[in-house]
């Protein structure tokens, strides 16, 4: 069982609605990591901005960056 519960998008702080709507549009769901950070909207927004900056197209495509994230997760035996 999780120590910190994930915030349901419908019950999240109203300031997070645009951010959650973006996730729903782009991915079909709000990842648990972001739902958990939603307990503190300022922390979530800061983390989200860093996440977006990291995955933004650049020298490597977003697809390559996501594949790297999956590979690193696998190598670290992450169950998530």
PDB file of N, CA and C in Angstrom:
ATOM      1  N   UNK A   1       0.837  -1.181   0.000  1.00  0.00           N
ATOM      2  CA  UNK A   1       0.000   0.000   0.000  1.00  0.00           C
ATOM      3  C   UNK A   1       0.887   1.251   0.000  1.00  0.00           C
ATOM      4  N   UNK A   2       0.469   2.246  -0.744  1.00  0.00           N
ATOM      5  CA  UNK A   2       1.230   3.490  -0.842  1.00  0.00           C
ATOM      6  C   UNK A   2       1.188   4.264   0.471  1.00  0.00           C
ATOM      7  N   UNK A   3       2.295   4.930   0.780  1.00  0.00           N
ATOM      8  CA  UNK A   3       2.339   5.763   1.985  1.00  0.00           C
ATOM      9  C   UNK A   3       1.618   7.083   1.767  1.00  0.00           C
ATOM     10  N   UNK A   4       1.732   7.601   0.562  1.00  0.00           N
ATOM     11  CA  UNK A   4       1.069   8.860   0.220  1.00  0.00           C
ATOM     12  C   UNK A   4       0.083   8.552  -0.900  1.00  0.00           C
ATOM     13  N   UNK A   5      -1.143   8.949  -0.705  1.00  0.00           N
ATOM     14  CA  UNK A   5      -2.165   8.658  -1.707  1.00  0.00           C
ATOM     15  C   UNK A   5      -2.028   9.587  -2.914  1.00  0.00           C
ATOM     16  N   UNK A   6      -2.474   9.108  -4.042  1.00  0.00           N
ATOM     17  CA  UNK A   6      -2.506   9.918  -5.257  1.00  0.00           C
ATOM     18  C   UNK A   6      -3.819  10.694  -5.281  1.00  0.00           C
ATOM     19  N   UNK A   7      -3.735  11.956  -5.665  1.00  0.00           N
ATOM     20  CA  UNK A   7      -4.916  12.821  -5.718  1.00  0.00           C
ATOM     21  C   UNK A   7      -5.710  12.507  -6.986  1.00  0.00           C
ATOM     22  N   UNK A   8      -6.995  12.294  -6.829  1.00  0.00           N
ATOM     23  CA  UNK A   8      -7.853  12.090  -7.996  1.00  0.00           C
ATOM     24  C   UNK A   8      -7.940  13.405  -8.767  1.00  0.00           C
ATOM     25  N   UNK A   9      -7.813  13.368 -10.095  1.00  0.00           N
ATOM     26  CA  UNK A   9      -7.860  14.618 -10.868  1.00  0.00           C
ATOM     27  C   UNK A   9      -9.088  15.486 -10.573  1.00  0.00           C
ATOM     28  N   UNK A  10     -10.227  14.871 -10.351  1.00  0.00           N
ATOM     29  CA  UNK A  10     -11.443  15.643 -10.077  1.00  0.00           C
ATOM     30  C   UNK A  10     -11.389  16.348  -8.723  1.00  0.00           C
ATOM     31  N   UNK A  11     -10.530  15.855  -7.810  1.00  0.00           N
ATOM     32  CA  UNK A  11     -10.432  16.440  -6.477  1.00  0.00           C
ATOM     33  C   UNK A  11      -9.185  17.301  -6.298  1.00  0.00           C
ATOM     34  N   UNK A  12      -8.419  17.476  -7.363  1.00  0.00           N
ATOM     35  CA  UNK A  12      -7.180  18.250  -7.287  1.00  0.00           C
ATOM     36  C   UNK A  12      -7.480  19.739  -7.173  1.00  0.00           C
ATOM     37  N   UNK A  13      -6.496  20.478  -6.687  1.00  0.00           N
ATOM     38  CA  UNK A  13      -6.589  21.931  -6.606  1.00  0.00           C
ATOM     39  C   UNK A  13      -6.984  22.476  -7.986  1.00  0.00           C
ATOM     40  N   UNK A  14      -7.933  23.400  -8.042  1.00  0.00           N
ATOM     41  CA  UNK A  14      -8.387  23.930  -9.333  1.00  0.00           C
ATOM     42  C   UNK A  14      -7.265  24.512 -10.193  1.00  0.00           C
ATOM     43  N   UNK A  15      -6.195  24.992  -9.577  1.00  0.00           N
ATOM     44  CA  UNK A  15      -5.081  25.555 -10.358  1.00  0.00           C
ATOM     45  C   UNK A  15      -4.371  24.491 -11.193  1.00  0.00           C
ATOM     46  N   UNK A  16      -4.568  23.215 -10.843  1.00  0.00           N
ATOM     47  CA  UNK A  16      -3.913  22.125 -11.560  1.00  0.00           C
ATOM     48  C   UNK A  16      -4.736  21.580 -12.724  1.00  0.00           C
ATOM     49  N   UNK A  17      -5.952  22.074 -12.886  1.00  0.00           N
ATOM     50  CA  UNK A  17      -6.824  21.560 -13.942  1.00  0.00           C
ATOM     51  C   UNK A  17      -6.178  21.620 -15.325  1.00  0.00           C
ATOM     52  N   UNK A  18      -5.576  22.749 -15.734  1.00  0.00           N
ATOM     53  CA  UNK A  18      -4.964  22.776 -17.075  1.00  0.00           C
ATOM     54  C   UNK A  18      -3.840  21.746 -17.235  1.00  0.00           C
ATOM     55  N   UNK A  19      -3.045  21.575 -16.198  1.00  0.00           N
ATOM     56  CA  UNK A  19      -1.948  20.615 -16.246  1.00  0.00           C
ATOM     57  C   UNK A  19      -2.483  19.191 -16.368  1.00  0.00           C
ATOM     58  N   UNK A  20      -3.469  18.855 -15.544  1.00  0.00           N
ATOM     59  CA  UNK A  20      -4.062  17.523 -15.596  1.00  0.00           C
ATOM     60  C   UNK A  20      -4.765  17.298 -16.925  1.00  0.00           C
ATOM     61  N   UNK A  21      -5.426  18.328 -17.464  1.00  0.00           N
ATOM     62  CA  UNK A  21      -6.086  18.208 -18.763  1.00  0.00           C
ATOM     63  C   UNK A  21      -5.075  17.901 -19.863  1.00  0.00           C
ATOM     64  N   UNK A  22      -3.881  18.521 -19.782  1.00  0.00           N
ATOM     65  CA  UNK A  22      -2.821  18.235 -20.756  1.00  0.00           C
ATOM     66  C   UNK A  22      -2.434  16.764 -20.710  1.00  0.00           C
ATOM     67  N   UNK A  23      -2.253  16.231 -19.501  1.00  0.00           N
ATOM     68  CA  UNK A  23      -1.897  14.819 -19.367  1.00  0.00           C
ATOM     69  C   UNK A  23      -2.988  13.931 -19.948  1.00  0.00           C
ATOM     70  N   UNK A  24      -4.224  14.244 -19.632  1.00  0.00           N
ATOM     71  CA  UNK A  24      -5.329  13.422 -20.127  1.00  0.00           C
ATOM     72  C   UNK A  24      -5.387  13.451 -21.654  1.00  0.00           C
ATOM     73  N   UNK A  25      -5.164  14.615 -22.235  1.00  0.00           N
ATOM     74  CA  UNK A  25      -5.193  14.752 -23.689  1.00  0.00           C
ATOM     75  C   UNK A  25      -4.007  14.014 -24.332  1.00  0.00           C
ATOM     76  N   UNK A  26      -2.820  14.167 -23.752  1.00  0.00           N
ATOM     77  CA  UNK A  26      -1.609  13.600 -24.347  1.00  0.00           C
ATOM     78  C   UNK A  26      -1.422  12.119 -24.056  1.00  0.00           C
ATOM     79  N   UNK A  27      -1.775  11.674 -22.849  1.00  0.00           N
ATOM     80  CA  UNK A  27      -1.465  10.305 -22.431  1.00  0.00           C
ATOM     81  C   UNK A  27      -2.689   9.474 -22.053  1.00  0.00           C
ATOM     82  N   UNK A  28      -3.838  10.124 -21.921  1.00  0.00           N
ATOM     83  CA  UNK A  28      -5.042   9.387 -21.562  1.00  0.00           C
ATOM     84  C   UNK A  28      -5.223   9.191 -20.068  1.00  0.00           C
ATOM     85  N   UNK A  29      -4.226   9.590 -19.284  1.00  0.00           N
ATOM     86  CA  UNK A  29      -4.289   9.465 -17.824  1.00  0.00           C
ATOM     87  C   UNK A  29      -3.243  10.384 -17.204  1.00  0.00           C
ATOM     88  N   UNK A  30      -3.439  10.693 -15.935  1.00  0.00           N
ATOM     89  CA  UNK A  30      -2.444  11.466 -15.189  1.00  0.00           C
ATOM     90  C   UNK A  30      -1.579  10.459 -14.437  1.00  0.00           C
ATOM     91  N   UNK A  31      -0.261  10.426 -14.715  1.00  0.00           N
ATOM     92  CA  UNK A  31       0.601   9.459 -14.032  1.00  0.00           C
ATOM     93  C   UNK A  31       0.538   9.608 -12.504  1.00  0.00           C
ATOM     94  N   UNK A  32       0.644   8.483 -11.806  1.00  0.00           N
ATOM     95  CA  UNK A  32       0.560   8.481 -10.346  1.00  0.00           C
ATOM     96  C   UNK A  32       1.579   9.419  -9.701  1.00  0.00           C
ATOM     97  N   UNK A  33       2.772   9.508 -10.283  1.00  0.00           N
ATOM     98  CA  UNK A  33       3.795  10.382  -9.714  1.00  0.00           C
ATOM     99  C   UNK A  33       3.280  11.826  -9.629  1.00  0.00           C
ATOM    100  N   UNK A  34       2.635  12.289 -10.680  1.00  0.00           N
ATOM    101  CA  UNK A  34       2.127  13.661 -10.695  1.00  0.00           C
ATOM    102  C   UNK A  34       0.890  13.807  -9.820  1.00  0.00           C
ATOM    103  N   UNK A  35       0.083  12.756  -9.755  1.00  0.00           N
ATOM    104  CA  UNK A  35      -1.091  12.804  -8.881  1.00  0.00           C
ATOM    105  C   UNK A  35      -0.667  12.860  -7.418  1.00  0.00           C
ATOM    106  N   UNK A  36       0.438  12.205  -7.090  1.00  0.00           N
ATOM    107  CA  UNK A  36       0.940  12.239  -5.717  1.00  0.00           C
ATOM    108  C   UNK A  36       1.518  13.611  -5.388  1.00  0.00           C
ATOM    109  N   UNK A  37       2.272  14.182  -6.321  1.00  0.00           N
ATOM    110  CA  UNK A  37       2.825  15.519  -6.103  1.00  0.00           C
ATOM    111  C   UNK A  37       1.738  16.591  -6.021  1.00  0.00           C
ATOM    112  N   UNK A  38       0.544  16.279  -6.480  1.00  0.00           N
ATOM    113  CA  UNK A  38      -0.558  17.248  -6.487  1.00  0.00           C
ATOM    114  C   UNK A  38      -0.996  17.660  -5.083  1.00  0.00           C
ATOM    115  N   UNK A  39      -0.507  16.981  -4.059  1.00  0.00           N
ATOM    116  CA  UNK A  39      -0.819  17.416  -2.691  1.00  0.00           C
ATOM    117  C   UNK A  39      -0.266  18.818  -2.439  1.00  0.00           C
ATOM    118  N   UNK A  40       0.787  19.177  -3.158  1.00  0.00           N
ATOM    119  CA  UNK A  40       1.355  20.529  -3.056  1.00  0.00           C
ATOM    120  C   UNK A  40       1.482  21.076  -4.479  1.00  0.00           C
ATOM    121  N   UNK A  41       0.510  21.891  -4.909  1.00  0.00           N
ATOM    122  CA  UNK A  41       0.490  22.380  -6.293  1.00  0.00           C
ATOM    123  C   UNK A  41       1.776  23.077  -6.739  1.00  0.00           C
ATOM    124  N   UNK A  42       2.449  23.803  -5.843  1.00  0.00           N
ATOM    125  CA  UNK A  42       3.688  24.488  -6.236  1.00  0.00           C
ATOM    126  C   UNK A  42       4.789  23.475  -6.565  1.00  0.00           C
ATOM    127  N   UNK A  43       4.894  22.441  -5.759  1.00  0.00           N
ATOM    128  CA  UNK A  43       5.898  21.410  -6.022  1.00  0.00           C
ATOM    129  C   UNK A  43       5.576  20.697  -7.331  1.00  0.00           C
ATOM    130  N   UNK A  44       4.317  20.359  -7.535  1.00  0.00           N
ATOM    131  CA  UNK A  44       3.929  19.688  -8.768  1.00  0.00           C
ATOM    132  C   UNK A  44       4.259  20.553  -9.974  1.00  0.00           C
ATOM    133  N   UNK A  45       3.922  21.827  -9.944  1.00  0.00           N
ATOM    134  CA  UNK A  45       4.180  22.702 -11.085  1.00  0.00           C
ATOM    135  C   UNK A  45       5.682  22.817 -11.358  1.00  0.00           C
ATOM    136  N   UNK A  46       6.484  22.925 -10.318  1.00  0.00           N
ATOM    137  CA  UNK A  46       7.930  23.009 -10.491  1.00  0.00           C
ATOM    138  C   UNK A  46       8.472  21.728 -11.113  1.00  0.00           C
ATOM    139  N   UNK A  47       8.037  20.580 -10.617  1.00  0.00           N
ATOM    140  CA  UNK A  47       8.505  19.303 -11.136  1.00  0.00           C
ATOM    141  C   UNK A  47       8.043  19.107 -12.574  1.00  0.00           C
ATOM    142  N   UNK A  48       6.804  19.494 -12.840  1.00  0.00           N
ATOM    143  CA  UNK A  48       6.248  19.352 -14.188  1.00  0.00           C
ATOM    144  C   UNK A  48       7.042  20.196 -15.184  1.00  0.00           C
ATOM    145  N   UNK A  49       7.384  21.430 -14.804  1.00  0.00           N
ATOM    146  CA  UNK A  49       8.172  22.298 -15.691  1.00  0.00           C
ATOM    147  C   UNK A  49       9.525  21.664 -16.006  1.00  0.00           C
ATOM    148  N   UNK A  50      10.163  21.073 -14.995  1.00  0.00           N
ATOM    149  CA  UNK A  50      11.450  20.403 -15.204  1.00  0.00           C
ATOM    150  C   UNK A  50      11.273  19.174 -16.103  1.00  0.00           C
ATOM    151  N   UNK A  51      10.207  18.427 -15.889  1.00  0.00           N
ATOM    152  CA  UNK A  51       9.895  17.243 -16.689  1.00  0.00           C
ATOM    153  C   UNK A  51       9.718  17.625 -18.152  1.00  0.00           C
ATOM    154  N   UNK A  52       8.942  18.653 -18.396  1.00  0.00           N
ATOM    155  CA  UNK A  52       8.704  19.122 -19.768  1.00  0.00           C
ATOM    156  C   UNK A  52       9.996  19.598 -20.427  1.00  0.00           C
ATOM    157  N   UNK A  53      10.806  20.348 -19.692  1.00  0.00           N
ATOM    158  CA  UNK A  53      12.070  20.850 -20.247  1.00  0.00           C
ATOM    159  C   UNK A  53      12.992  19.696 -20.615  1.00  0.00           C
ATOM    160  N   UNK A  54      12.998  18.656 -19.804  1.00  0.00           N
ATOM    161  CA  UNK A  54      13.856  17.502 -20.050  1.00  0.00           C
ATOM    162  C   UNK A  54      13.410  16.723 -21.282  1.00  0.00           C
ATOM    163  N   UNK A  55      12.108  16.550 -21.444  1.00  0.00           N
ATOM    164  CA  UNK A  55      11.603  15.740 -22.555  1.00  0.00           C
ATOM    165  C   UNK A  55      11.362  16.530 -23.832  1.00  0.00           C
ATOM    166  N   UNK A  56      11.556  17.817 -23.792  1.00  0.00           N
ATOM    167  CA  UNK A  56      11.360  18.649 -24.988  1.00  0.00           C
ATOM    168  C   UNK A  56      12.316  18.189 -26.090  1.00  0.00           C
ATOM    169  N   UNK A  57      11.880  18.288 -27.341  1.00  0.00           N
ATOM    170  CA  UNK A  57      12.735  17.938 -28.484  1.00  0.00           C
ATOM    171  C   UNK A  57      14.018  18.752 -28.434  1.00  0.00           C
ATOM    172  N   UNK A  58      15.102  18.124 -28.756  1.00  0.00           N
ATOM    173  CA  UNK A  58      16.399  18.787 -28.782  1.00  0.00           C
ATOM    174  C   UNK A  58      17.355  17.942 -29.589  1.00  0.00           C
ATOM    175  N   UNK A  59      18.553  17.717 -29.074  1.00  0.00           N
ATOM    176  CA  UNK A  59      19.523  16.865 -29.762  1.00  0.00           C
ATOM    177  C   UNK A  59      18.958  15.457 -29.954  1.00  0.00           C
ATOM    178  N   UNK A  60      18.239  14.982 -28.958  1.00  0.00           N
ATOM    179  CA  UNK A  60      17.574  13.675 -29.049  1.00  0.00           C
ATOM    180  C   UNK A  60      16.068  13.917 -29.101  1.00  0.00           C
ATOM    181  N   UNK A  61      15.361  13.086 -29.855  1.00  0.00           N
ATOM    182  CA  UNK A  61      13.913  13.243 -29.947  1.00  0.00           C
ATOM    183  C   UNK A  61      13.245  12.825 -28.635  1.00  0.00           C
ATOM    184  N   UNK A  62      12.018  13.261 -28.459  1.00  0.00           N
ATOM    185  CA  UNK A  62      11.247  12.874 -27.277  1.00  0.00           C
ATOM    186  C   UNK A  62      11.110  11.361 -27.213  1.00  0.00           C
ATOM    187  N   UNK A  63      10.910  10.729 -28.356  1.00  0.00           N
ATOM    188  CA  UNK A  63      10.766   9.266 -28.402  1.00  0.00           C
ATOM    189  C   UNK A  63      12.023   8.583 -27.865  1.00  0.00           C
ATOM    190  N   UNK A  64      13.190   9.044 -28.293  1.00  0.00           N
ATOM    191  CA  UNK A  64      14.449   8.458 -27.823  1.00  0.00           C
ATOM    192  C   UNK A  64      14.600   8.671 -26.319  1.00  0.00           C
ATOM    193  N   UNK A  65      14.258   9.847 -25.836  1.00  0.00           N
ATOM    194  CA  UNK A  65      14.366  10.131 -24.396  1.00  0.00           C
ATOM    195  C   UNK A  65      13.445   9.218 -23.592  1.00  0.00           C
ATOM    196  N   UNK A  66      12.242   8.980 -24.091  1.00  0.00           N
ATOM    197  CA  UNK A  66      11.319   8.089 -23.382  1.00  0.00           C
ATOM    198  C   UNK A  66      11.822   6.649 -23.409  1.00  0.00           C
ATOM    199  N   UNK A  67      12.406   6.234 -24.529  1.00  0.00           N
ATOM    200  CA  UNK A  67      12.976   4.879 -24.596  1.00  0.00           C
ATOM    201  C   UNK A  67      14.141   4.741 -23.615  1.00  0.00           C
ATOM    202  N   UNK A  68      14.950   5.765 -23.483  1.00  0.00           N
ATOM    203  CA  UNK A  68      16.045   5.745 -22.514  1.00  0.00           C
ATOM    204  C   UNK A  68      15.510   5.635 -21.089  1.00  0.00           C
ATOM    205  N   UNK A  69      14.446   6.353 -20.805  1.00  0.00           N
ATOM    206  CA  UNK A  69      13.861   6.298 -19.463  1.00  0.00           C
ATOM    207  C   UNK A  69      13.366   4.888 -19.150  1.00  0.00           C
ATOM    208  N   UNK A  70      12.744   4.254 -20.118  1.00  0.00           N
ATOM    209  CA  UNK A  70      12.266   2.879 -19.918  1.00  0.00           C
ATOM    210  C   UNK A  70      13.445   1.936 -19.708  1.00  0.00           C
ATOM    211  N   UNK A  71      14.490   2.096 -20.498  1.00  0.00           N
ATOM    212  CA  UNK A  71      15.671   1.226 -20.365  1.00  0.00           C
ATOM    213  C   UNK A  71      16.351   1.399 -19.007  1.00  0.00           C
ATOM    214  N   UNK A  72      16.515   2.645 -18.567  1.00  0.00           N
ATOM    215  CA  UNK A  72      17.133   2.898 -17.260  1.00  0.00           C
ATOM    216  C   UNK A  72      16.273   2.299 -16.152  1.00  0.00           C
ATOM    217  N   UNK A  73      14.978   2.446 -16.278  1.00  0.00           N
ATOM    218  CA  UNK A  73      14.067   1.857 -15.292  1.00  0.00           C
ATOM    219  C   UNK A  73      14.240   0.339 -15.250  1.00  0.00           C
ATOM    220  N   UNK A  74      14.331  -0.271 -16.418  1.00  0.00           N
ATOM    221  CA  UNK A  74      14.514  -1.725 -16.492  1.00  0.00           C
ATOM    222  C   UNK A  74      15.846  -2.134 -15.870  1.00  0.00           C
ATOM    223  N   UNK A  75      16.920  -1.420 -16.206  1.00  0.00           N
ATOM    224  CA  UNK A  75      18.237  -1.754 -15.676  1.00  0.00           C
ATOM    225  C   UNK A  75      18.286  -1.622 -14.149  1.00  0.00           C
ATOM    226  N   UNK A  76      17.513  -0.691 -13.615  1.00  0.00           N
ATOM    227  CA  UNK A  76      17.463  -0.496 -12.166  1.00  0.00           C
ATOM    228  C   UNK A  76      16.430  -1.389 -11.489  1.00  0.00           C
ATOM    229  N   UNK A  77      15.846  -2.277 -12.261  1.00  0.00           N
ATOM    230  CA  UNK A  77      14.832  -3.215 -11.767  1.00  0.00           C
ATOM    231  C   UNK A  77      13.672  -2.513 -11.073  1.00  0.00           C
ATOM    232  N   UNK A  78      13.281  -1.390 -11.651  1.00  0.00           N
ATOM    233  CA  UNK A  78      12.140  -0.642 -11.110  1.00  0.00           C
ATOM    234  C   UNK A  78      10.846  -1.382 -11.429  1.00  0.00           C
ATOM    235  N   UNK A  79      10.042  -1.568 -10.429  1.00  0.00           N
ATOM    236  CA  UNK A  79       8.744  -2.229 -10.642  1.00  0.00           C
ATOM    237  C   UNK A  79       7.722  -1.257 -11.190  1.00  0.00           C
ATOM    238  N   UNK A  80       7.989   0.042 -11.100  1.00  0.00           N
ATOM    239  CA  UNK A  80       7.035   1.037 -11.561  1.00  0.00           C
ATOM    240  C   UNK A  80       7.183   1.209 -13.054  1.00  0.00           C
TER     241      UNK A  80
END
